[in-house]
C-alpha atoms as a PDB file:
ATOM      1  CA  MET A   1      63.310  61.936 112.158  1.00  0.00           C
ATOM      2  CA  GLU A   2      65.427  58.962 113.428  1.00  0.00           C
ATOM      3  CA  PRO A   3      67.328  57.521 116.089  1.00  0.00           C
ATOM      4  CA  VAL A   4      70.245  58.744 117.693  1.00  0.00           C
ATOM      5  CA  GLU A   5      70.459  56.074 120.348  1.00  0.00           C
ATOM      6  CA  LEU A   6      69.303  53.001 121.326  1.00  0.00           C
ATOM      7  CA  ASN A   7      69.531  51.221 124.776  1.00  0.00           C
ATOM      8  CA  VAL A   8      68.009  48.087 125.954  1.00  0.00           C
ATOM      9  CA  SER A   9      68.249  47.622 129.710  1.00  0.00           C
ATOM     10  CA  ARG A  10      66.238  45.829 132.628  1.00  0.00           C
ATOM     11  CA  ARG A  11      64.105  47.268 135.486  1.00  0.00           C
ATOM     12  CA  GLU A  12      61.362  45.362 137.485  1.00  0.00           C
ATOM     13  CA  GLY A  13      62.392  42.042 135.558  1.00  0.00           C
ATOM     14  CA  LYS A  14      60.985  43.475 132.371  1.00  0.00           C
ATOM     15  CA  GLU A  15      63.338  44.319 129.305  1.00  0.00           C
ATOM     16  CA  THR A  16      63.009  47.498 127.956  1.00  0.00           C
ATOM     17  CA  ILE A  17      64.490  48.975 124.752  1.00  0.00           C
ATOM     18  CA  SER A  18      64.593  52.966 124.766  1.00  0.00           C
ATOM     19  CA  VAL A  19      65.309  54.996 121.789  1.00  0.00           C
ATOM     20  CA  LEU A  20      66.050  58.444 121.620  1.00  0.00           C
ATOM     21  CA  TRP A  21      64.784  60.498 118.899  1.00  0.00           C
ATOM     22  CA  SER A  22      66.949  62.949 116.680  1.00  0.00           C
ATOM     23  CA  ASP A  23      63.905  65.697 118.114  1.00  0.00           C
ATOM     24  CA  GLY A  24      64.901  64.749 122.145  1.00  0.00           C
ATOM     25  CA  HIS A  25      62.227  62.633 122.748  1.00  0.00           C
ATOM     26  CA  ARG A  26      62.793  59.137 124.163  1.00  0.00           C
ATOM     27  CA  SER A  27      60.522  56.553 123.422  1.00  0.00           C
ATOM     28  CA  ASN A  28      60.518  53.430 126.037  1.00  0.00           C
ATOM     29  CA  TYR A  29      59.144  49.898 124.627  1.00  0.00           C
ATOM     30  CA  ASP A  30      58.132  46.845 126.728  1.00  0.00           C
ATOM     31  CA  SER A  31      59.884  44.071 124.773  1.00  0.00           C
ATOM     32  CA  PHE A  32      56.720  41.906 125.278  1.00  0.00           C
ATOM     33  CA  GLU A  33      54.736  44.377 123.489  1.00  0.00           C
ATOM     34  CA  LEU A  34      57.193  45.209 120.974  1.00  0.00           C
ATOM     35  CA  ARG A  35      57.266  41.801 119.817  1.00  0.00           C
ATOM     36  CA  ASN A  36      53.444  40.990 119.770  1.00  0.00           C
ATOM     37  CA  ALA A  37      53.648  44.215 117.395  1.00  0.00           C
ATOM     38  CA  CYS A  38      55.642  42.675 114.770  1.00  0.00           C
ATOM     39  CA  PRO A  39      54.766  43.880 111.138  1.00  0.00           C
ATOM     40  CA  CYS A  40      55.745  41.309 109.328  1.00  0.00           C
ATOM     41  CA  ALA A  41      53.154  39.745 107.353  1.00  0.00           C
ATOM     42  CA  MET A  42      53.479  36.414 109.137  1.00  0.00           C
ATOM     43  CA  CYS A  43      52.325  38.313 112.276  1.00  0.00           C
ATOM     44  CA  GLN A  44      49.738  40.590 110.916  1.00  0.00           C
ATOM     45  CA  GLY A  45      48.559  38.923 107.957  1.00  0.00           C
ATOM     46  CA  GLU A  46      49.032  39.657 103.875  1.00  0.00           C
ATOM     47  CA  PRO A  47      46.423  41.196 102.200  1.00  0.00           C
ATOM     48  CA  GLY A  48      45.414  39.010  98.959  1.00  0.00           C
ATOM     49  CA  ILE A  49      44.255  39.658  95.301  1.00  0.00           C
ATOM     50  CA  PHE A  50      40.921  40.803  96.349  1.00  0.00           C
ATOM     51  CA  GLY A  51      42.152  42.600  99.994  1.00  0.00           C
ATOM     52  CA  ARG A  52      41.126  39.613 101.827  1.00  0.00           C
ATOM     53  CA  ILE A  53      43.538  39.686 104.682  1.00  0.00           C
ATOM     54  CA  TYR A  54      45.629  36.230 105.069  1.00  0.00           C
ATOM     55  CA  THR A  55      46.958  35.104 108.521  1.00  0.00           C
ATOM     56  CA  GLN A  56      48.813  31.941 109.884  1.00  0.00           C
ATOM     57  CA  SER A  57      47.734  30.849 113.517  1.00  0.00           C
ATOM     58  CA  ARG A  58      50.218  33.248 115.410  1.00  0.00           C
ATOM     59  CA  THR A  59      52.356  31.512 118.229  1.00  0.00           C
ATOM     60  CA  GLU A  60      52.077  32.808 121.430  1.00  0.00           C
ATOM     61  CA  VAL A  61      54.471  35.293 122.404  1.00  0.00           C
ATOM     62  CA  ARG A  62      55.928  34.582 126.112  1.00  0.00           C
ATOM     63  CA  VAL A  63      56.229  37.517 128.635  1.00  0.00           C
ATOM     64  CA  ASP A  64      59.908  36.583 128.997  1.00  0.00           C
ATOM     65  CA  ILE A  65      60.735  37.522 125.421  1.00  0.00           C
ATOM     66  CA  VAL A  66      64.069  39.584 125.102  1.00  0.00           C
ATOM     67  CA  PRO A  67      65.786  41.183 121.773  1.00  0.00           C
ATOM     68  CA  ASP A  68      68.855  39.131 121.158  1.00  0.00           C
ATOM     69  CA  GLU A  69      70.269  41.250 118.345  1.00  0.00           C
ATOM     70  CA  ILE A  70      69.102  44.675 116.853  1.00  0.00           C
ATOM     71  CA  GLU A  71      70.669  45.987 113.900  1.00  0.00           C
ATOM     72  CA  THR A  72      69.697  49.232 111.494  1.00  0.00           C
ATOM     73  CA  VAL A  73      68.106  48.524 108.213  1.00  0.00           C
ATOM     74  CA  GLY A  74      69.268  50.988 105.668  1.00  0.00           C
ATOM     75  CA  ARG A  75      68.374  54.446 106.950  1.00  0.00           C
ATOM     76  CA  TYR A  76      64.753  53.851 108.093  1.00  0.00           C
ATOM     77  CA  GLY A  77      64.003  50.980 110.505  1.00  0.00           C
ATOM     78  CA  LEU A  78      65.012  48.342 112.829  1.00  0.00           C
ATOM     79  CA  LYS A  79      65.684  44.419 112.574  1.00  0.00           C
ATOM     80  CA  ILE A  80      65.434  42.402 115.847  1.00  0.00           C
ATOM     81  CA  THR A  81      65.954  39.329 116.521  1.00  0.00           C
ATOM     82  CA  TRP A  82      63.957  38.126 119.191  1.00  0.00           C
ATOM     83  CA  SER A  83      64.730  35.461 121.847  1.00  0.00           C
ATOM     84  CA  ASP A  84      61.973  33.046 120.304  1.00  0.00           C
ATOM     85  CA  GLY A  85      64.108  32.914 117.097  1.00  0.00           C
ATOM     86  CA  HIS A  86      61.695  35.458 115.306  1.00  0.00           C
ATOM     87  CA  ASN A  87      63.043  37.960 113.334  1.00  0.00           C
ATOM     88  CA  LEU A  88      61.073  38.749 110.399  1.00  0.00           C
ATOM     89  CA  GLY A  89      59.532  41.944 110.806  1.00  0.00           C
ATOM     90  CA  ILE A  90      61.481  45.446 109.882  1.00  0.00           C
ATOM     91  CA  TYR A  91      60.324  48.405 112.819  1.00  0.00           C
ATOM     92  CA  THR A  92      60.474  51.464 110.561  1.00  0.00           C
ATOM     93  CA  PHE A  93      61.456  54.674 112.627  1.00  0.00           C
ATOM     94  CA  ASP A  94      57.684  55.682 111.649  1.00  0.00           C
ATOM     95  CA  TYR A  95      56.157  52.927 113.108  1.00  0.00           C
ATOM     96  CA  LEU A  96      58.320  52.738 116.097  1.00  0.00           C
ATOM     97  CA  ARG A  97      57.522  56.298 116.466  1.00  0.00           C
ATOM     98  CA  LYS A  98      54.021  55.797 116.990  1.00  0.00           C
ATOM     99  CA  LEU A  99      54.043  52.677 118.636  1.00  0.00           C
ATOM    100  CA  CYS A 100      55.473  55.279 121.248  1.00  0.00           C
ATOM    101  CA  GLY A 101      52.607  55.167 124.325  1.00  0.00           C
ATOM    102  CA  CYS A 102      53.931  57.906 126.356  1.00  0.00           C
ATOM    103  CA  GLU A 103      51.440  60.959 127.088  1.00  0.00           C
ATOM    104  CA  GLY A 104      53.189  63.585 124.850  1.00  0.00           C
ATOM    105  CA  CYS A 105      52.599  60.959 121.809  1.00  0.00           C
ATOM    106  CA  ASN A 106      49.159  59.842 122.832  1.00  0.00           C
ATOM    107  CA  LYS A 107      48.157  63.664 122.565  1.00  0.00           C
ATOM    108  CA  SER A 108      49.571  64.677 119.556  1.00  0.00           C
ATOM    109  CA  GLN A 109      48.159  61.061 117.582  1.00  0.00           C
END
């Protein structure tokens, strides 16, 4: 599954990233929630040699966060540069689809 269309819009004072998938499904992501779900090791932690997860103290994400730039990474994901300067996470298409919070996706998970 891959995106065929990507839009960024502002509604009700919130920035929303909308993805139309190749199966016809549309996912809408709140920028604040998507930034909080950043999959990079700096945000999510990183396993050490004995399986312990090492994390840094996370910087609090501002509610007015917006994407400054969105680019594709190969044929498998998106890299988002956020207005706070963070750009380390690669949001794979599979990960993005799992983050879809719509009722239909929640039922199928």
